[in-house]
Amino acid sequence: QVQLVESGGGLVQAGGSLRLSCAASGSIFNINVMRWYRQVPGNMRDWVAIITSDGKTNYAGSVKGRFTISRDNAKNTIYLQMNNLKPEDTAVYYCQYGSSWGQGTQVTVSS
């Protein structure tokens, strides 16, 4: 079982930046694909970004060019650098690996 803990959320003005972290612990062996999702209350959880063990990335169209996913394999941690934030980016952000999910971190962008 892998445990995931997100951090780095907060309140920021539109146009600002935040960096989210997701630290993995537990039964870890060569973690491969990890993802970020986000969810607004009442809506489905939406995929945001993906990164493979060798650093390949892909992004949802709504964040492409503004968000950057990265990873530090030595620390079993992935990051989500979010720039030029918009009010519509407001959501709870979750990291995911296999069947494991973190508890989420709230990101609020004010206009």
Protein backbone atom coordinates (compact mmCIF):
# COMPACT_ATOMS: atom_id res chain seq x y z
CA GLN A 1 0.00 0.00 0.00
CA VAL A 2 1.32 3.44 -0.98
CA GLN A 3 0.47 6.54 1.01
CA LEU A 4 0.35 9.91 -0.73
CA VAL A 5 0.43 13.29 1.00
CA GLU A 6 -0.16 16.52 -0.90
CA SER A 7 0.90 19.97 0.25
CA GLY A 8 1.37 23.47 -1.09
CA GLY A 9 -2.18 24.60 -1.69
CA GLY A 10 -3.48 27.98 -0.63
CA LEU A 11 -5.12 31.23 -1.65
CA VAL A 12 -3.60 33.22 -4.49
CA GLN A 13 -4.69 36.05 -6.74
CA ALA A 14 -5.33 35.49 -10.41
CA GLY A 15 -2.05 35.54 -12.30
CA GLY A 16 -0.14 34.18 -9.34
CA SER A 17 1.68 30.90 -8.85
CA LEU A 18 1.66 27.93 -6.51
CA ARG A 19 3.74 24.78 -6.29
CA LEU A 20 2.08 21.61 -5.10
CA SER A 21 3.99 18.61 -3.76
CA CYS A 22 2.97 14.97 -3.39
CA ALA A 23 5.17 12.73 -1.27
CA ALA A 24 4.80 8.96 -1.58
CA SER A 25 5.65 6.49 1.17
CA GLY A 26 4.96 2.88 2.08
CA SER A 27 5.29 -0.08 -0.29
CA ILE A 28 7.23 1.75 -2.93
CA PHE A 29 9.19 0.04 -5.66
CA ASN A 30 10.01 1.85 -8.84
CA ILE A 31 6.91 4.01 -8.89
CA ASN A 32 6.02 4.52 -12.52
CA VAL A 33 3.16 6.72 -13.65
CA MET A 34 1.81 9.35 -11.31
CA ARG A 35 -0.96 11.85 -11.96
CA TRP A 36 -2.51 15.02 -10.64
CA TYR A 37 -6.28 15.47 -10.63
CA ARG A 38 -8.54 18.24 -9.40
CA GLN A 39 -12.13 18.37 -8.23
CA VAL A 40 -14.67 21.12 -7.69
CA PRO A 41 -17.50 20.26 -5.26
CA GLY A 42 -20.41 18.73 -7.15
CA ASN A 43 -18.26 17.89 -10.17
CA MET A 44 -16.31 14.83 -11.23
CA ARG A 45 -12.61 14.58 -10.51
CA ASP A 46 -10.73 15.80 -13.60
CA TRP A 47 -7.32 14.68 -14.77
CA VAL A 48 -4.74 17.50 -14.87
CA ALA A 49 -1.29 16.07 -15.62
CA ILE A 50 0.70 12.85 -15.87
CA ILE A 51 4.38 11.97 -15.52
CA THR A 52 6.14 8.67 -16.18
CA SER A 53 9.17 7.30 -14.36
CA ASP A 54 11.45 8.57 -17.14
CA GLY A 55 9.95 12.04 -17.06
CA LYS A 56 7.54 12.01 -19.96
CA THR A 57 4.65 14.39 -19.33
CA ASN A 58 1.25 15.31 -20.67
CA TYR A 59 -1.37 17.84 -19.66
CA ALA A 60 -5.05 18.60 -19.89
CA GLY A 61 -5.73 21.26 -22.47
CA SER A 62 -6.99 23.73 -19.89
CA VAL A 63 -3.63 23.84 -18.08
CA LYS A 64 -1.15 23.21 -20.89
CA GLY A 65 1.45 25.96 -21.03
CA ARG A 66 0.68 27.12 -17.48
CA PHE A 67 1.27 24.02 -15.32
CA THR A 68 4.39 21.88 -15.15
CA ILE A 69 4.56 18.44 -13.57
CA SER A 70 7.92 17.13 -12.40
CA ARG A 71 9.31 14.45 -10.11
CA ASP A 72 12.21 13.73 -7.81
CA ASN A 73 12.59 9.94 -7.78
CA ALA A 74 15.12 10.05 -4.95
CA LYS A 75 12.51 11.70 -2.74
CA ASN A 76 9.52 9.74 -4.13
CA THR A 77 7.87 13.10 -4.71
CA ILE A 78 6.09 14.73 -7.60
CA TYR A 79 5.36 18.41 -8.03
CA LEU A 80 2.90 20.59 -9.89
CA GLN A 81 4.13 24.09 -10.65
CA MET A 82 1.10 26.22 -11.44
CA ASN A 83 1.67 29.60 -13.07
CA ASN A 84 -0.71 32.26 -14.36
CA LEU A 85 -3.46 30.84 -12.19
CA LYS A 86 -7.07 31.60 -13.06
CA PRO A 87 -10.20 31.56 -10.88
CA GLU A 88 -11.36 28.47 -12.78
CA ASP A 89 -8.32 26.61 -11.44
CA THR A 90 -9.91 26.73 -7.98
CA ALA A 91 -10.35 23.14 -6.80
CA VAL A 92 -9.05 20.47 -4.48
CA TYR A 93 -5.96 18.95 -6.09
CA TYR A 94 -5.15 15.26 -5.63
CA CYS A 95 -2.20 13.11 -6.62
CA GLN A 96 -2.73 9.53 -7.67
CA TYR A 97 -0.63 6.40 -8.04
CA GLY A 98 -2.33 3.15 -8.94
CA SER A 99 -5.22 2.72 -6.56
CA SER A 100 -3.81 5.20 -4.03
CA TRP A 101 -4.97 8.79 -3.64
CA GLY A 102 -3.83 11.57 -1.39
CA GLN A 103 -6.13 13.55 0.87
CA GLY A 104 -6.08 16.56 -1.42
CA THR A 105 -4.92 20.15 -1.06
CA GLN A 106 -7.17 23.16 -1.63
CA VAL A 107 -6.22 25.73 -4.24
CA THR A 108 -8.27 28.92 -4.33
CA VAL A 109 -7.66 31.59 -6.96
CA SER A 110 -9.32 34.95 -6.39
CA SER A 111 -10.20 37.29 -9.24
